Amino acid sequence: MDRPVGEEGIRLLVVLGPTASGKTRMAVALARALGGEVLSADSRQVYRGLTIGTGKDLAEYGQVPVHLVDLLEPAERYSVYRFQRDCFGALRAVAGRGALPVLCGGTGLYLEAVLERYEMSEVAPDEKLRAELAALSLDALAARLARSRRLHNVTDLKSRQTLIRAVEIAERSAGAPAPKWPALQPLVLGARWDRAELDSRIRARLVARIEAGMIEEAERLHAAGLSLARMDELGLEYRYLARLLAGELDREALVEQLGRAIRRFARRQLSWFRRMERRGWAIHWIDRADAGRALEIAAGRFGPDGRD
């Protein structure tokens, strides 16, 4: 069954899926039909100027309001801590207007931070602790994180930097008061394609984004002062675009290597969602991102106008 569901709490429709699965289009269709507003759960769409590469597709929303997009400059740092607070603020505001919040994205950590209502605190960097943690293996870091009851099992365990920061937050915030997040009544829908179809969609979308000016977007960002090192940190498209601008790749190699990296990323996203299911979350999978089928399920939970 879905969890946590109770008589009280904010109604929340969640639309998740791997990259290129059509989840944004499905979320917009649901929001339009159910009187909803979309909240983006994407770790890079929060940055201004990262438009084509992150697939913001803002024109697709039409009159449907969208939140948690274009919050800060790409040279700044955003975190799951900030996202959780921004998201719950937006959830309260949308629900307060009588609209249905539709949380849409593929960043599993961001989605779980809201659905699981993780207990997190803002923690300043501790260089002494970081030096201690830097000497540990990835397995040792993951085990140390798992021992924390404040931030448990919320990373893919593959990034040393992410793990060190997660342990730092967990250990430095021990004993701090837990945030009082409102209860939620969530329904989770997932956009699903078979592997061959998803791979084809990924390649077609990548080619379309390049034709739409993704390389030129990266050139503009760099000319405006965004360093190639920071562009690399922003991951996926921008990592490979930084290599292109540095002269390490040509256009053909960009398409080949970036396409392969995006396919691997999609597999990791799907692994995360499967782990969510193992942890007890019911994801109602919608084959081929069929908005009509998704609406049947959502209307059955929230009523035909999203208001029960």
Protein backbone atom coordinates (compact mmCIF):
# COMPACT_ATOMS: atom_id res chain seq x y z
CA MET A 1 0.00 0.00 0.00
CA ASP A 2 1.01 3.63 -0.33
CA ARG A 3 2.61 5.22 2.72
CA PRO A 4 2.20 7.31 4.75
CA VAL A 5 -1.53 7.82 4.16
CA GLY A 6 -3.87 9.15 6.78
CA GLU A 7 -6.91 11.31 7.27
CA GLU A 8 -4.73 14.39 7.80
CA GLY A 9 -1.92 15.82 5.73
CA ILE A 10 -1.19 17.39 2.39
CA ARG A 11 -2.45 15.54 -0.68
CA LEU A 12 0.50 15.00 -2.99
CA LEU A 13 0.74 13.51 -6.45
CA VAL A 14 4.28 12.36 -7.31
CA VAL A 15 5.35 11.68 -10.89
CA LEU A 16 8.77 10.09 -11.23
CA GLY A 17 10.73 8.27 -13.89
CA PRO A 18 14.11 8.05 -15.54
CA THR A 19 15.41 10.73 -17.85
CA ALA A 20 13.62 10.97 -21.22
CA SER A 21 10.63 8.97 -19.96
CA GLY A 22 8.05 11.71 -20.57
CA LYS A 23 7.35 12.30 -16.89
CA THR A 24 7.17 16.09 -17.26
CA ARG A 25 4.57 15.90 -19.99
CA MET A 26 2.57 13.42 -17.92
CA ALA A 27 2.81 15.62 -14.81
CA VAL A 28 1.67 18.70 -16.72
CA ALA A 29 -1.30 16.81 -18.19
CA LEU A 30 -2.30 15.62 -14.72
CA ALA A 31 -1.89 19.07 -13.18
CA ARG A 32 -3.98 20.63 -15.94
CA ALA A 33 -6.76 18.06 -15.53
CA LEU A 34 -6.77 18.04 -11.72
CA GLY A 35 -6.27 21.71 -10.94
CA GLY A 36 -2.68 21.18 -9.85
CA GLU A 37 0.64 22.99 -9.80
CA VAL A 38 3.95 21.32 -10.62
CA LEU A 39 6.93 21.26 -8.26
CA SER A 40 10.19 20.25 -9.91
CA ALA A 41 12.33 17.65 -8.13
CA ASP A 42 15.39 18.04 -10.33
CA SER A 43 18.77 18.83 -8.83
CA ARG A 44 19.92 20.91 -11.82
CA GLN A 45 16.77 22.66 -13.00
CA VAL A 46 17.12 24.89 -9.95
CA TYR A 47 19.94 26.72 -11.80
CA ARG A 48 19.25 29.68 -14.05
CA GLY A 49 20.63 29.38 -17.55
CA LEU A 50 20.82 25.57 -17.50
CA THR A 51 17.77 25.31 -19.71
CA ILE A 52 18.33 23.17 -22.78
CA GLY A 53 20.81 20.81 -21.14
CA THR A 54 18.51 20.06 -18.20
CA GLY A 55 15.36 19.82 -20.32
CA LYS A 56 13.31 22.42 -18.48
CA ASP A 57 10.88 22.58 -21.40
CA LEU A 58 9.14 25.54 -19.76
CA ALA A 59 6.89 26.11 -22.78
CA GLU A 60 5.35 22.70 -22.12
CA TYR A 61 3.72 23.93 -18.90
CA GLY A 62 1.49 26.49 -20.61
CA GLN A 63 -0.78 27.97 -17.93
CA VAL A 64 0.19 25.36 -15.33
CA PRO A 65 2.31 27.00 -12.60
CA VAL A 66 5.73 25.42 -12.00
CA HIS A 67 7.87 25.88 -8.89
CA LEU A 68 11.47 25.16 -7.77
CA VAL A 69 12.97 26.03 -11.15
CA ASP A 70 15.53 28.83 -11.78
CA LEU A 71 16.20 29.51 -8.10
CA LEU A 72 19.90 30.42 -8.22
CA GLU A 73 22.93 31.01 -10.41
CA PRO A 74 24.91 27.97 -11.62
CA ALA A 75 28.07 29.09 -9.80
CA GLU A 76 26.17 28.75 -6.48
CA ARG A 77 25.65 25.51 -4.58
CA TYR A 78 22.29 23.90 -3.89
CA SER A 79 21.68 20.95 -1.58
CA VAL A 80 19.06 18.42 -0.64
CA TYR A 81 18.74 20.30 2.66
CA ARG A 82 17.73 23.47 0.82
CA PHE A 83 15.52 21.56 -1.58
CA GLN A 84 13.59 19.90 1.24
CA ARG A 85 12.82 23.25 2.83
CA ASP A 86 11.98 24.95 -0.45
CA CYS A 87 9.77 22.04 -1.45
CA PHE A 88 7.79 21.90 1.78
CA GLY A 89 7.33 25.67 1.59
CA ALA A 90 5.95 25.31 -1.93
CA LEU A 91 3.79 22.34 -0.92
CA ARG A 92 2.16 24.36 1.86
CA ALA A 93 1.59 27.32 -0.46
CA VAL A 94 0.06 25.25 -3.27
CA ALA A 95 -2.16 23.28 -0.88
CA GLY A 96 -3.14 26.53 0.81
CA ARG A 97 -4.52 27.76 -2.50
CA GLY A 98 -6.65 24.62 -2.77
CA ALA A 99 -4.58 23.25 -5.66
CA LEU A 100 -3.08 19.78 -5.93
CA PRO A 101 0.74 19.72 -5.64
CA VAL A 102 2.31 17.55 -8.36
CA LEU A 103 5.91 16.75 -7.49
CA CYS A 104 7.74 15.72 -10.64
CA GLY A 105 11.31 14.63 -11.17
CA GLY A 106 13.96 11.98 -11.42
CA THR A 107 16.33 12.98 -8.62
CA GLY A 108 15.67 10.12 -6.21
CA LEU A 109 17.39 11.75 -3.24
CA TYR A 110 15.22 14.86 -3.55
CA LEU A 111 12.04 12.80 -3.89
CA GLU A 112 12.88 10.66 -0.87
CA ALA A 113 13.84 13.67 1.24
CA VAL A 114 10.23 14.86 0.88
CA LEU A 115 8.36 11.55 0.90
CA GLU A 116 10.32 10.18 3.86
CA ARG A 117 10.43 13.61 5.56
CA TYR A 118 14.11 13.17 6.37
CA GLU A 119 15.47 14.83 9.47
CA MET A 120 18.21 17.13 8.23
CA SER A 121 19.94 20.18 9.64
CA GLU A 122 22.06 22.83 8.00
CA VAL A 123 25.65 22.05 8.91
CA ALA A 124 28.74 24.17 8.28
CA PRO A 125 31.79 22.38 6.82
CA ASP A 126 34.02 20.67 9.40
CA GLU A 127 37.49 20.42 7.87
CA LYS A 128 38.86 18.22 10.67
CA LEU A 129 36.04 15.69 10.25
CA ARG A 130 36.39 15.82 6.47
CA ALA A 131 40.08 15.01 6.73
CA GLU A 132 39.23 12.01 8.91
CA LEU A 133 36.55 10.81 6.52
CA ALA A 134 38.77 11.28 3.46
CA ALA A 135 40.94 8.41 4.66
CA LEU A 136 38.01 5.97 4.67
CA SER A 137 36.96 3.68 1.84
CA LEU A 138 33.59 4.09 0.14
CA ASP A 139 32.30 1.03 1.98
CA ALA A 140 33.45 2.40 5.33
CA LEU A 141 31.81 5.76 4.59
CA ALA A 142 28.55 4.07 3.60
CA ALA A 143 28.59 1.97 6.79
CA ARG A 144 29.22 5.06 8.91
CA LEU A 145 26.33 6.86 7.24
CA ALA A 146 24.04 3.87 7.73
CA ARG A 147 24.63 4.02 11.49
CA SER A 148 23.04 7.46 11.60
CA ARG A 149 19.34 7.62 12.36
CA ARG A 150 19.04 11.15 10.99
CA LEU A 151 20.08 10.61 7.40
CA HIS A 152 19.98 6.92 6.59
CA ASN A 153 20.52 5.35 3.16
CA VAL A 154 19.93 8.48 1.10
CA THR A 155 22.72 8.34 -1.46
CA ASP A 156 23.73 6.01 -4.24
CA LEU A 157 26.97 5.32 -2.35
CA LYS A 158 29.14 5.95 -5.42
CA SER A 159 30.27 9.54 -4.87
CA ARG A 160 32.96 10.06 -2.24
CA GLN A 161 32.17 13.77 -2.01
CA THR A 162 28.47 13.11 -1.49
CA LEU A 163 29.11 10.43 1.11
CA ILE A 164 31.53 12.58 3.10
CA ARG A 165 29.06 15.45 3.13
CA ALA A 166 26.20 13.14 4.13
CA VAL A 167 28.19 11.73 7.05
CA GLU A 168 29.22 15.25 8.07
CA ILE A 169 25.60 16.41 8.12
CA ALA A 170 24.40 13.31 9.94
CA GLU A 171 27.04 13.43 12.67
CA ARG A 172 27.22 17.18 13.16
CA SER A 173 23.43 17.49 13.41
CA ALA A 174 23.02 14.72 15.99
CA GLY A 175 20.92 15.97 18.88
CA ALA A 176 19.54 18.95 16.97
CA PRO A 177 15.75 19.39 17.00
CA ALA A 178 14.05 17.55 14.15
CA PRO A 179 12.07 19.71 11.69
CA LYS A 180 8.29 19.54 11.97
CA TRP A 181 7.21 18.64 8.46
CA PRO A 182 3.53 18.18 7.71
CA ALA A 183 2.12 14.72 7.08
CA LEU A 184 1.59 13.76 3.46
CA GLN A 185 -1.01 11.73 1.60
CA PRO A 186 1.01 10.75 -1.47
CA LEU A 187 0.19 8.85 -4.62
CA VAL A 188 3.29 7.90 -6.61
CA LEU A 189 3.11 7.32 -10.36
CA GLY A 190 6.07 6.26 -12.50
CA ALA A 191 6.66 6.65 -16.23
CA ARG A 192 7.94 3.36 -17.68
CA TRP A 193 9.33 2.21 -21.05
CA ASP A 194 11.08 -0.94 -22.07
CA ARG A 195 14.85 -0.59 -22.26
CA ALA A 196 15.21 -0.41 -26.05
CA GLU A 197 12.50 2.26 -26.33
CA LEU A 198 14.01 4.33 -23.53
CA ASP A 199 17.47 4.13 -25.09
CA SER A 200 16.02 5.30 -28.40
CA ARG A 201 14.23 8.18 -26.71
CA ILE A 202 17.44 9.22 -24.93
CA ARG A 203 19.39 9.40 -28.17
CA ALA A 204 16.64 11.22 -30.06
CA ARG A 205 16.28 13.77 -27.29
CA LEU A 206 20.03 14.34 -27.11
CA VAL A 207 20.22 15.02 -30.85
CA ALA A 208 17.21 17.35 -30.59
CA ARG A 209 18.80 19.29 -27.74
CA ILE A 210 22.02 19.75 -29.67
CA GLU A 211 20.05 21.00 -32.66
CA ALA A 212 18.12 23.33 -30.31
CA GLY A 213 21.36 25.00 -29.21
CA MET A 214 22.66 23.07 -26.20
CA ILE A 215 26.29 23.61 -27.22
CA GLU A 216 25.69 27.32 -27.74
CA GLU A 217 24.03 27.48 -24.33
CA ALA A 218 27.19 26.08 -22.75
CA GLU A 219 29.30 28.58 -24.69
CA ARG A 220 27.15 31.46 -23.39
CA LEU A 221 27.42 30.20 -19.80
CA HIS A 222 31.19 29.95 -20.07
CA ALA A 223 31.48 33.39 -21.70
CA ALA A 224 29.38 34.80 -18.84
CA GLY A 225 31.91 33.51 -16.31
CA LEU A 226 30.92 29.94 -15.49
CA SER A 227 34.17 28.02 -15.21
CA LEU A 228 34.67 24.74 -17.03
CA ALA A 229 35.48 23.15 -13.65
CA ARG A 230 32.09 24.19 -12.27
CA MET A 231 30.36 23.14 -15.49
CA ASP A 232 31.96 19.72 -15.04
CA GLU A 233 30.60 19.55 -11.47
CA LEU A 234 27.07 20.16 -12.78
CA GLY A 235 27.24 16.72 -14.33
CA LEU A 236 25.97 14.79 -17.33
CA GLU A 237 25.32 17.14 -20.27
CA TYR A 238 27.37 19.97 -18.82
CA ARG A 239 30.28 17.70 -17.90
CA TYR A 240 30.63 16.58 -21.49
CA LEU A 241 29.94 20.07 -22.82
CA ALA A 242 32.82 21.32 -20.67
CA ARG A 243 35.06 18.71 -22.28
CA LEU A 244 33.90 19.84 -25.70
CA LEU A 245 34.68 23.48 -24.91
CA ALA A 246 38.07 22.43 -23.56
CA GLY A 247 38.85 20.77 -26.88
CA GLU A 248 38.87 17.25 -25.43
CA LEU A 249 35.89 16.09 -27.52
CA ASP A 250 34.48 16.85 -30.92
CA ARG A 251 30.76 16.94 -31.68
CA GLU A 252 30.60 13.31 -32.80
CA ALA A 253 32.38 12.10 -29.66
CA LEU A 254 30.07 14.28 -27.55
CA VAL A 255 26.98 12.55 -28.92
CA GLU A 256 28.46 9.09 -28.48
CA GLN A 257 29.97 9.49 -25.01
CA LEU A 258 27.22 11.67 -23.56
CA GLY A 259 24.53 9.36 -24.91
CA ARG A 260 26.22 6.42 -23.20
CA ALA A 261 26.52 8.37 -19.93
CA ILE A 262 22.83 9.33 -20.00
CA ARG A 263 21.82 5.71 -20.55
CA ARG A 264 23.89 4.69 -17.52
CA PHE A 265 22.30 7.49 -15.52
CA ALA A 266 18.83 6.25 -16.45
CA ARG A 267 19.76 2.77 -15.16
CA ARG A 268 20.86 4.28 -11.84
CA GLN A 269 17.59 6.18 -11.57
CA LEU A 270 15.61 2.99 -12.15
CA SER A 271 17.70 1.21 -9.52
CA TRP A 272 16.86 3.97 -7.06
CA PHE A 273 13.15 3.65 -7.78
CA ARG A 274 13.32 -0.13 -7.32
CA ARG A 275 14.97 0.47 -3.97
CA MET A 276 12.12 2.81 -3.04
CA GLU A 277 9.71 -0.03 -3.76
CA ARG A 278 11.73 -2.39 -1.58
CA ARG A 279 11.49 0.19 1.20
CA GLY A 280 7.69 0.02 1.02
CA TRP A 281 6.69 2.70 -1.48
CA ALA A 282 4.01 1.67 -3.98
CA ILE A 283 4.87 3.08 -7.40
CA HIS A 284 2.03 2.78 -9.89
CA TRP A 285 3.94 2.30 -13.15
CA ILE A 286 2.41 3.85 -16.25
CA ASP A 287 3.57 2.15 -19.43
CA ARG A 288 4.81 4.57 -22.10
CA ALA A 289 3.88 7.52 -19.86
CA ASP A 290 0.22 7.19 -20.87
CA ALA A 291 -1.36 10.34 -19.42
CA GLY A 292 -4.88 8.94 -19.83
CA ARG A 293 -4.10 5.89 -17.70
CA ALA A 294 -2.28 8.07 -15.17
CA LEU A 295 -5.33 10.32 -14.88
CA GLU A 296 -7.59 7.34 -14.21
CA ILE A 297 -5.45 6.34 -11.24
CA ALA A 298 -4.97 9.89 -9.93
CA ALA A 299 -8.65 10.80 -10.27
CA GLY A 300 -9.54 7.61 -8.40
CA ARG A 301 -7.50 8.85 -5.45
CA PHE A 302 -8.02 12.61 -5.56
CA GLY A 303 -11.34 12.94 -7.39
CA PRO A 304 -11.95 14.10 -10.97
CA ASP A 305 -11.02 17.70 -10.13
CA GLY A 306 -8.19 16.90 -7.72
CA ARG A 307 -10.22 17.91 -4.67
CA ASP A 308 -11.58 14.54 -3.49
